[in-house]
């Protein structure tokens, strides 16, 4: 791998691509927003979120990602995280990197 790429990507965990729908609960806004999970690792998750409102780094967020088999998600499917980085996208979307609040959260997302 090119040394510049290694230096630019300092993630502690390998990421795996996913393509699953879900939602997040933004406590500050008291609302749910639709999301698409793009990749997941042991430490976090990359989402595409449709929202015109900017999300804030460090903000706590609750994530629910569909398992692809059921349209119903319950309380056991909630993963707590915090926003690690935000990049504005096109058409009112944002790419949002999340850091899981607890170890083992990836299992709930990747199941």
C-alpha atoms as a PDB file:
ATOM      1  CA  UNK A   1       0.000   0.000   0.000  1.00  0.00           C
ATOM      2  CA  UNK A   2       1.210   3.496  -0.776  1.00  0.00           C
ATOM      3  CA  UNK A   3       2.672   5.107   2.378  1.00  0.00           C
ATOM      4  CA  UNK A   4       0.566   8.237   1.820  1.00  0.00           C
ATOM      5  CA  UNK A   5      -2.605   6.133   1.895  1.00  0.00           C
ATOM      6  CA  UNK A   6      -1.500   4.413   5.090  1.00  0.00           C
ATOM      7  CA  UNK A   7      -0.777   7.772   6.719  1.00  0.00           C
ATOM      8  CA  UNK A   8      -4.126   9.226   5.573  1.00  0.00           C
ATOM      9  CA  UNK A   9      -6.159   6.264   6.861  1.00  0.00           C
ATOM     10  CA  UNK A  10      -5.389   5.938  10.552  1.00  0.00           C
ATOM     11  CA  UNK A  11      -8.397   3.864  11.507  1.00  0.00           C
ATOM     12  CA  UNK A  12      -7.821   1.277  14.205  1.00  0.00           C
ATOM     13  CA  UNK A  13     -10.241  -1.251  12.708  1.00  0.00           C
ATOM     14  CA  UNK A  14     -10.814  -2.606   9.211  1.00  0.00           C
ATOM     15  CA  UNK A  15     -14.062  -1.414   7.625  1.00  0.00           C
ATOM     16  CA  UNK A  16     -16.509  -3.659   5.808  1.00  0.00           C
ATOM     17  CA  UNK A  17     -18.944  -2.274   3.242  1.00  0.00           C
ATOM     18  CA  UNK A  18     -22.667  -2.567   3.962  1.00  0.00           C
ATOM     19  CA  UNK A  19     -25.758  -1.225   2.256  1.00  0.00           C
ATOM     20  CA  UNK A  20     -28.626  -1.159   4.730  1.00  0.00           C
ATOM     21  CA  UNK A  21     -31.403   1.243   5.525  1.00  0.00           C
ATOM     22  CA  UNK A  22     -32.104   2.465   9.014  1.00  0.00           C
ATOM     23  CA  UNK A  23     -32.776   5.492  11.131  1.00  0.00           C
ATOM     24  CA  UNK A  24     -31.080   7.584  13.775  1.00  0.00           C
ATOM     25  CA  UNK A  25     -32.552   9.435  16.697  1.00  0.00           C
ATOM     26  CA  UNK A  26     -31.025  12.877  17.142  1.00  0.00           C
ATOM     27  CA  UNK A  27     -31.668  13.857  20.760  1.00  0.00           C
ATOM     28  CA  UNK A  28     -30.992  17.569  20.251  1.00  0.00           C
ATOM     29  CA  UNK A  29     -33.617  17.738  17.494  1.00  0.00           C
ATOM     30  CA  UNK A  30     -35.973  15.209  19.156  1.00  0.00           C
ATOM     31  CA  UNK A  31     -36.514  13.469  15.830  1.00  0.00           C
ATOM     32  CA  UNK A  32     -35.698  10.420  13.756  1.00  0.00           C
ATOM     33  CA  UNK A  33     -33.879  10.750  10.445  1.00  0.00           C
ATOM     34  CA  UNK A  34     -33.608   8.135   7.675  1.00  0.00           C
ATOM     35  CA  UNK A  35     -30.117   6.768   7.015  1.00  0.00           C
ATOM     36  CA  UNK A  36     -28.217   4.380   4.817  1.00  0.00           C
ATOM     37  CA  UNK A  37     -25.299   2.477   6.397  1.00  0.00           C
ATOM     38  CA  UNK A  38     -22.300   2.511   4.040  1.00  0.00           C
ATOM     39  CA  UNK A  39     -19.637   0.707   6.062  1.00  0.00           C
ATOM     40  CA  UNK A  40     -19.044  -0.702   9.521  1.00  0.00           C
ATOM     41  CA  UNK A  41     -16.058  -1.588  11.711  1.00  0.00           C
ATOM     42  CA  UNK A  42     -15.524  -2.720  15.286  1.00  0.00           C
ATOM     43  CA  UNK A  43     -15.282   0.918  16.334  1.00  0.00           C
ATOM     44  CA  UNK A  44     -17.872   2.703  14.257  1.00  0.00           C
ATOM     45  CA  UNK A  45     -20.144   3.179  11.305  1.00  0.00           C
ATOM     46  CA  UNK A  46     -20.333   5.420   8.240  1.00  0.00           C
ATOM     47  CA  UNK A  47     -23.827   6.648   7.397  1.00  0.00           C
ATOM     48  CA  UNK A  48     -25.461   8.749   4.744  1.00  0.00           C
ATOM     49  CA  UNK A  49     -28.121  10.863   6.425  1.00  0.00           C
ATOM     50  CA  UNK A  50     -30.798  12.896   4.668  1.00  0.00           C
ATOM     51  CA  UNK A  51     -31.061  16.108   6.620  1.00  0.00           C
ATOM     52  CA  UNK A  52     -30.676  19.779   5.802  1.00  0.00           C
ATOM     53  CA  UNK A  53     -29.781  20.490   9.444  1.00  0.00           C
ATOM     54  CA  UNK A  54     -26.065  20.159  10.146  1.00  0.00           C
ATOM     55  CA  UNK A  55     -25.135  17.516  12.683  1.00  0.00           C
ATOM     56  CA  UNK A  56     -22.525  18.332  15.304  1.00  0.00           C
ATOM     57  CA  UNK A  57     -19.288  16.478  16.027  1.00  0.00           C
ATOM     58  CA  UNK A  58     -19.420  14.925  19.491  1.00  0.00           C
ATOM     59  CA  UNK A  59     -23.209  14.820  19.496  1.00  0.00           C
ATOM     60  CA  UNK A  60     -24.720  11.600  20.917  1.00  0.00           C
ATOM     61  CA  UNK A  61     -26.932   9.693  18.528  1.00  0.00           C
ATOM     62  CA  UNK A  62     -28.947   6.475  18.623  1.00  0.00           C
ATOM     63  CA  UNK A  63     -28.723   4.225  15.565  1.00  0.00           C
ATOM     64  CA  UNK A  64     -31.055   1.508  14.307  1.00  0.00           C
ATOM     65  CA  UNK A  65     -30.020  -0.378  11.168  1.00  0.00           C
ATOM     66  CA  UNK A  66     -32.328  -2.880   9.486  1.00  0.00           C
ATOM     67  CA  UNK A  67     -31.191  -6.478   9.275  1.00  0.00           C
ATOM     68  CA  UNK A  68     -32.631  -6.587   5.757  1.00  0.00           C
ATOM     69  CA  UNK A  69     -35.255  -9.171   6.703  1.00  0.00           C
ATOM     70  CA  UNK A  70     -37.694  -7.259   8.885  1.00  0.00           C
ATOM     71  CA  UNK A  71     -39.148  -3.779   8.618  1.00  0.00           C
ATOM     72  CA  UNK A  72     -39.668  -3.702  12.386  1.00  0.00           C
ATOM     73  CA  UNK A  73     -36.884  -2.584  14.701  1.00  0.00           C
ATOM     74  CA  UNK A  74     -37.239  -2.725  18.470  1.00  0.00           C
ATOM     75  CA  UNK A  75     -35.295  -1.436  21.461  1.00  0.00           C
ATOM     76  CA  UNK A  76     -32.759  -4.267  21.225  1.00  0.00           C
ATOM     77  CA  UNK A  77     -31.691  -2.895  17.838  1.00  0.00           C
ATOM     78  CA  UNK A  78     -30.632   0.504  19.226  1.00  0.00           C
ATOM     79  CA  UNK A  79     -26.890   1.244  19.185  1.00  0.00           C
ATOM     80  CA  UNK A  80     -25.535   4.265  21.036  1.00  0.00           C
ATOM     81  CA  UNK A  81     -22.812   6.272  19.305  1.00  0.00           C
ATOM     82  CA  UNK A  82     -21.363   9.748  18.998  1.00  0.00           C
ATOM     83  CA  UNK A  83     -20.699  11.724  15.847  1.00  0.00           C
ATOM     84  CA  UNK A  84     -16.981  11.631  14.993  1.00  0.00           C
ATOM     85  CA  UNK A  85     -17.025  13.536  11.688  1.00  0.00           C
ATOM     86  CA  UNK A  86     -19.486  15.054   9.212  1.00  0.00           C
ATOM     87  CA  UNK A  87     -19.067  15.757   5.485  1.00  0.00           C
ATOM     88  CA  UNK A  88     -21.764  17.567   3.508  1.00  0.00           C
ATOM     89  CA  UNK A  89     -23.017  15.636   0.502  1.00  0.00           C
ATOM     90  CA  UNK A  90     -25.298  16.375  -2.397  1.00  0.00           C
ATOM     91  CA  UNK A  91     -29.065  16.794  -2.380  1.00  0.00           C
ATOM     92  CA  UNK A  92     -29.373  17.485   1.342  1.00  0.00           C
ATOM     93  CA  UNK A  93     -27.357  14.475   2.492  1.00  0.00           C
ATOM     94  CA  UNK A  94     -24.467  14.256   4.920  1.00  0.00           C
ATOM     95  CA  UNK A  95     -21.844  11.538   5.344  1.00  0.00           C
ATOM     96  CA  UNK A  96     -21.526  10.974   9.052  1.00  0.00           C
ATOM     97  CA  UNK A  97     -18.894   8.891  10.786  1.00  0.00           C
ATOM     98  CA  UNK A  98     -19.960   7.471  14.125  1.00  0.00           C
ATOM     99  CA  UNK A  99     -17.915   6.058  16.981  1.00  0.00           C
ATOM    100  CA  UNK A 100     -19.733   3.358  18.936  1.00  0.00           C
ATOM    101  CA  UNK A 101     -20.266   4.156  22.616  1.00  0.00           C
ATOM    102  CA  UNK A 102     -19.837   0.498  23.669  1.00  0.00           C
ATOM    103  CA  UNK A 103     -17.709  -2.396  22.500  1.00  0.00           C
ATOM    104  CA  UNK A 104     -19.664  -5.109  20.734  1.00  0.00           C
ATOM    105  CA  UNK A 105     -22.064  -2.653  19.098  1.00  0.00           C
ATOM    106  CA  UNK A 106     -20.923  -3.739  15.645  1.00  0.00           C
ATOM    107  CA  UNK A 107     -22.571  -7.121  16.158  1.00  0.00           C
ATOM    108  CA  UNK A 108     -25.955  -5.435  16.475  1.00  0.00           C
ATOM    109  CA  UNK A 109     -25.390  -3.401  13.320  1.00  0.00           C
ATOM    110  CA  UNK A 110     -23.843  -6.153  11.193  1.00  0.00           C
ATOM    111  CA  UNK A 111     -26.297  -8.896  12.210  1.00  0.00           C
END
